[in-house]
Amino acid sequence: MDNNIHSKTHEKADKDTENRIFEAARKVFHTKGLDGARMQEIADEAGINKAMLHYYFRSKDKLFGSIFEEDFKEFFKRLAELISADLPLLEKIEFFVENYLELILQNSYIPAFILSEIHHNPERIKNIFLEKGIKAEQIFMDDIKTAISLGIIRPIDPKQLIVNIIGLCIFPIVAKPILCTMLSFDEKGYRNFIEERKKEVARFVINSIKIN
């Protein structure tokens, strides 16, 4: 009985330490990126020594990969929920843009993580998609095809429309440092800009495809 209690206590301590490492690594990776991050910085942020960090994760790449896969899967799970919303296409575009922009604003490191992985380990991205069976985009494509057939929107390649919407949303997040410099935004000004962007992107896309 005592051995069972000791084992459970040890498992909980291990899990708590692993979670602390994950949160510390996220903070360092988000600030400095994969290449700029150092294991010593992560250990310091987690309040542990470097030897203990290596006990849980033998390399920076392994730690980065674990965090990336966890965050990437959760991000696309929430993205699939947005795409699957039971709404007419034009309302869905408005709903998707508003919530997708907020989602990537809250997880602004995800696009940078994805770009990094595309260059360093493209197979990891591919395998995550295959493992999760991410097919929610097909729902969006079917909605677009239906709207075309009903004469609600002009004929357009559904894939092009989806990429247009995602690109218009992602760019202001990825290019935040450039936009803040060019447009003289402080943090509050940038956030206000993104709030306006939620409406502007939806309006721009709908006006470009809607049949009056």
Protein backbone atom coordinates (compact mmCIF):
# COMPACT_ATOMS: atom_id res chain seq x y z
CA MET A 1 0.00 0.00 0.00
CA ASP A 2 2.80 2.35 0.98
CA ASN A 3 4.63 1.45 -2.24
CA ASN A 4 1.52 2.33 -4.29
CA ILE A 5 1.22 5.72 -2.56
CA HIS A 6 4.92 6.37 -3.14
CA SER A 7 4.59 5.39 -6.82
CA LYS A 8 1.60 7.69 -7.37
CA THR A 9 3.35 10.56 -5.58
CA HIS A 10 6.42 10.05 -7.78
CA GLU A 11 4.28 9.94 -10.96
CA LYS A 12 2.53 13.17 -9.96
CA ALA A 13 5.86 14.87 -9.27
CA ASP A 14 7.15 13.72 -12.66
CA LYS A 15 4.05 15.06 -14.40
CA ASP A 16 4.22 18.37 -12.55
CA THR A 17 7.88 18.78 -13.52
CA GLU A 18 7.15 17.88 -17.15
CA ASN A 19 4.31 20.42 -17.27
CA ARG A 20 6.58 23.07 -15.77
CA ILE A 21 9.20 22.32 -18.40
CA PHE A 22 6.59 22.54 -21.17
CA GLU A 23 5.36 25.95 -20.03
CA ALA A 24 8.89 27.26 -19.60
CA ALA A 25 9.94 25.96 -23.02
CA ARG A 26 6.88 27.47 -24.67
CA LYS A 27 7.78 30.85 -23.21
CA VAL A 28 11.40 30.65 -24.37
CA PHE A 29 10.58 29.22 -27.81
CA HIS A 30 7.92 31.87 -28.38
CA THR A 31 10.35 34.64 -27.49
CA LYS A 32 13.51 33.38 -29.19
CA GLY A 33 12.39 30.71 -31.64
CA LEU A 34 13.86 27.23 -32.00
CA ASP A 35 17.29 28.35 -33.17
CA GLY A 36 17.67 31.12 -30.58
CA ALA A 37 16.48 29.13 -27.58
CA ARG A 38 18.99 27.48 -25.23
CA MET A 39 18.37 24.52 -22.95
CA GLN A 40 19.94 26.41 -20.04
CA GLU A 41 17.42 29.23 -20.49
CA ILE A 42 14.57 26.72 -20.44
CA ALA A 43 15.95 25.06 -17.31
CA ASP A 44 16.29 28.44 -15.58
CA GLU A 45 12.74 29.40 -16.58
CA ALA A 46 11.41 26.09 -15.23
CA GLY A 47 13.37 26.46 -11.99
CA ILE A 48 15.34 23.23 -12.45
CA ASN A 49 18.94 22.38 -13.31
CA LYS A 50 20.05 21.49 -16.82
CA ALA A 51 20.75 17.86 -15.90
CA MET A 52 17.13 17.38 -14.83
CA LEU A 53 15.91 19.01 -18.05
CA HIS A 54 18.00 16.54 -20.08
CA TYR A 55 16.58 13.69 -17.99
CA TYR A 56 13.08 14.56 -19.24
CA PHE A 57 14.06 15.72 -22.73
CA ARG A 58 17.41 14.69 -24.17
CA SER A 59 17.57 17.44 -26.77
CA LYS A 60 16.13 20.84 -27.61
CA ASP A 61 14.69 19.42 -30.84
CA LYS A 62 12.88 16.65 -28.96
CA LEU A 63 11.38 19.16 -26.52
CA PHE A 64 10.40 21.50 -29.34
CA GLY A 65 8.82 18.61 -31.25
CA SER A 66 6.73 17.55 -28.24
CA ILE A 67 5.43 21.08 -27.68
CA PHE A 68 4.85 21.69 -31.36
CA GLU A 69 2.79 18.53 -31.87
CA GLU A 70 0.69 19.17 -28.76
CA ASP A 71 -0.05 22.80 -29.67
CA PHE A 72 -0.49 22.09 -33.38
CA LYS A 73 -3.05 19.34 -32.79
CA GLU A 74 -5.05 21.46 -30.33
CA PHE A 75 -4.94 24.43 -32.71
CA PHE A 76 -6.31 22.41 -35.62
CA LYS A 77 -8.91 20.76 -33.44
CA ARG A 78 -10.31 24.22 -32.64
CA LEU A 79 -9.91 25.29 -36.27
CA ALA A 80 -11.94 22.27 -37.40
CA GLU A 81 -14.71 23.29 -35.00
CA LEU A 82 -14.88 26.73 -36.64
CA ILE A 83 -14.99 25.27 -40.15
CA SER A 84 -17.70 22.80 -39.12
CA ALA A 85 -20.08 25.48 -37.78
CA ASP A 86 -23.61 24.89 -39.09
CA LEU A 87 -24.10 28.25 -40.83
CA PRO A 88 -24.83 29.49 -44.38
CA LEU A 89 -21.58 30.19 -46.23
CA LEU A 90 -21.52 33.99 -45.98
CA GLU A 91 -22.35 33.89 -42.26
CA LYS A 92 -19.76 31.15 -41.81
CA ILE A 93 -17.10 33.34 -43.43
CA GLU A 94 -17.85 36.12 -40.94
CA PHE A 95 -17.89 33.67 -38.03
CA PHE A 96 -14.73 31.92 -39.18
CA VAL A 97 -12.69 35.09 -39.78
CA GLU A 98 -13.58 36.62 -36.41
CA ASN A 99 -12.83 33.48 -34.42
CA TYR A 100 -9.85 32.35 -36.48
CA LEU A 101 -8.13 35.70 -36.09
CA GLU A 102 -8.72 35.57 -32.35
CA LEU A 103 -7.44 31.99 -32.26
CA ILE A 104 -4.17 32.79 -34.03
CA LEU A 105 -3.81 35.99 -32.01
CA GLN A 106 -3.96 33.90 -28.84
CA ASN A 107 -1.56 31.38 -30.39
CA SER A 108 0.59 33.74 -32.44
CA TYR A 109 3.59 31.40 -32.21
CA ILE A 110 1.78 28.65 -34.15
CA PRO A 111 2.31 30.14 -37.66
CA ALA A 112 6.00 30.71 -36.86
CA PHE A 113 6.28 27.16 -35.51
CA ILE A 114 4.68 25.83 -38.71
CA LEU A 115 7.02 27.85 -40.94
CA SER A 116 9.99 26.60 -38.95
CA GLU A 117 8.87 22.99 -39.26
CA ILE A 118 8.18 23.33 -42.98
CA HIS A 119 11.86 24.19 -43.39
CA HIS A 120 13.35 21.87 -40.77
CA ASN A 121 11.03 18.87 -40.69
CA PRO A 122 8.17 18.94 -43.26
CA GLU A 123 7.39 15.27 -42.60
CA ARG A 124 6.32 16.13 -39.06
CA ILE A 125 3.58 18.43 -40.39
CA LYS A 126 2.46 15.80 -42.87
CA ASN A 127 2.36 13.06 -40.23
CA ILE A 128 0.30 15.18 -37.82
CA PHE A 129 -2.29 15.80 -40.53
CA LEU A 130 -2.42 12.10 -41.41
CA GLU A 131 -2.58 11.03 -37.76
CA LYS A 132 -5.38 13.44 -36.90
CA GLY A 133 -7.26 12.80 -40.13
CA ILE A 134 -7.81 16.54 -40.55
CA LYS A 135 -10.52 16.76 -43.20
CA ALA A 136 -12.67 19.60 -41.89
CA GLU A 137 -11.63 21.74 -44.86
CA GLN A 138 -13.76 19.46 -47.06
CA ILE A 139 -16.84 20.78 -45.24
CA PHE A 140 -15.85 24.31 -46.20
CA MET A 141 -15.29 23.26 -49.81
CA ASP A 142 -18.71 21.61 -49.95
CA ASP A 143 -20.32 24.78 -48.54
CA ILE A 144 -18.61 26.86 -51.23
CA LYS A 145 -19.70 24.51 -54.02
CA THR A 146 -23.29 24.61 -52.73
CA ALA A 147 -23.30 28.41 -52.60
CA ILE A 148 -22.01 28.51 -56.20
CA SER A 149 -24.69 26.11 -57.40
CA LEU A 150 -27.40 28.20 -55.70
CA GLY A 151 -26.14 31.39 -57.33
CA ILE A 152 -25.20 32.98 -53.99
CA ILE A 153 -21.55 33.51 -54.94
CA ARG A 154 -19.74 33.67 -58.24
CA PRO A 155 -17.89 30.59 -59.49
CA ILE A 156 -14.53 30.30 -57.73
CA ASP A 157 -12.12 27.51 -56.96
CA PRO A 158 -12.94 26.55 -53.34
CA LYS A 159 -9.27 25.90 -52.59
CA GLN A 160 -8.32 29.39 -53.76
CA LEU A 161 -11.03 30.96 -51.60
CA ILE A 162 -9.95 29.05 -48.50
CA VAL A 163 -6.29 30.00 -49.00
CA ASN A 164 -7.29 33.64 -49.60
CA ILE A 165 -9.22 33.77 -46.33
CA ILE A 166 -6.48 32.08 -44.29
CA GLY A 167 -3.75 34.21 -45.86
CA LEU A 168 -5.58 37.48 -45.17
CA CYS A 169 -5.96 36.42 -41.54
CA ILE A 170 -2.47 35.07 -40.90
CA PHE A 171 -0.36 37.81 -42.49
CA PRO A 172 -1.07 40.56 -39.90
CA ILE A 173 -0.14 38.13 -37.11
CA VAL A 174 3.09 36.87 -38.67
CA ALA A 175 4.06 40.38 -39.83
CA LYS A 176 3.26 42.10 -36.52
CA PRO A 177 6.76 43.61 -36.01
CA ILE A 178 6.74 45.02 -39.54
CA LEU A 179 3.20 46.41 -39.26
CA CYS A 180 3.88 47.98 -35.86
CA THR A 181 6.94 49.73 -37.32
CA MET A 182 5.33 50.80 -40.61
CA LEU A 183 2.03 51.91 -39.09
CA SER A 184 3.40 53.18 -35.76
CA PHE A 185 1.30 50.83 -33.62
CA ASP A 186 1.84 50.31 -29.93
CA GLU A 187 0.36 47.13 -28.42
CA LYS A 188 -3.06 48.71 -27.91
CA GLY A 189 -3.08 50.17 -31.42
CA TYR A 190 -2.14 46.80 -32.90
CA ARG A 191 -4.91 45.03 -30.98
CA ASN A 192 -7.45 47.62 -32.19
CA PHE A 193 -6.21 47.07 -35.74
CA ILE A 194 -6.79 43.30 -35.43
CA GLU A 195 -10.30 43.92 -34.07
CA GLU A 196 -11.03 46.04 -37.15
CA ARG A 197 -9.39 43.38 -39.30
CA LYS A 198 -11.93 40.79 -38.18
CA LYS A 199 -14.69 42.78 -39.87
CA GLU A 200 -12.61 44.07 -42.80
CA VAL A 201 -11.38 40.66 -43.98
CA ALA A 202 -14.87 39.16 -43.89
CA ARG A 203 -16.32 42.20 -45.70
CA PHE A 204 -13.57 42.13 -48.33
CA VAL A 205 -13.95 38.40 -49.04
CA ILE A 206 -17.76 38.45 -49.14
CA ASN A 207 -17.86 41.49 -51.43
CA SER A 208 -15.42 39.79 -53.79
CA ILE A 209 -17.53 36.64 -54.23
CA LYS A 210 -21.14 37.59 -53.51
CA ILE A 211 -23.59 37.92 -56.40
CA ASN A 212 -25.71 41.03 -55.80
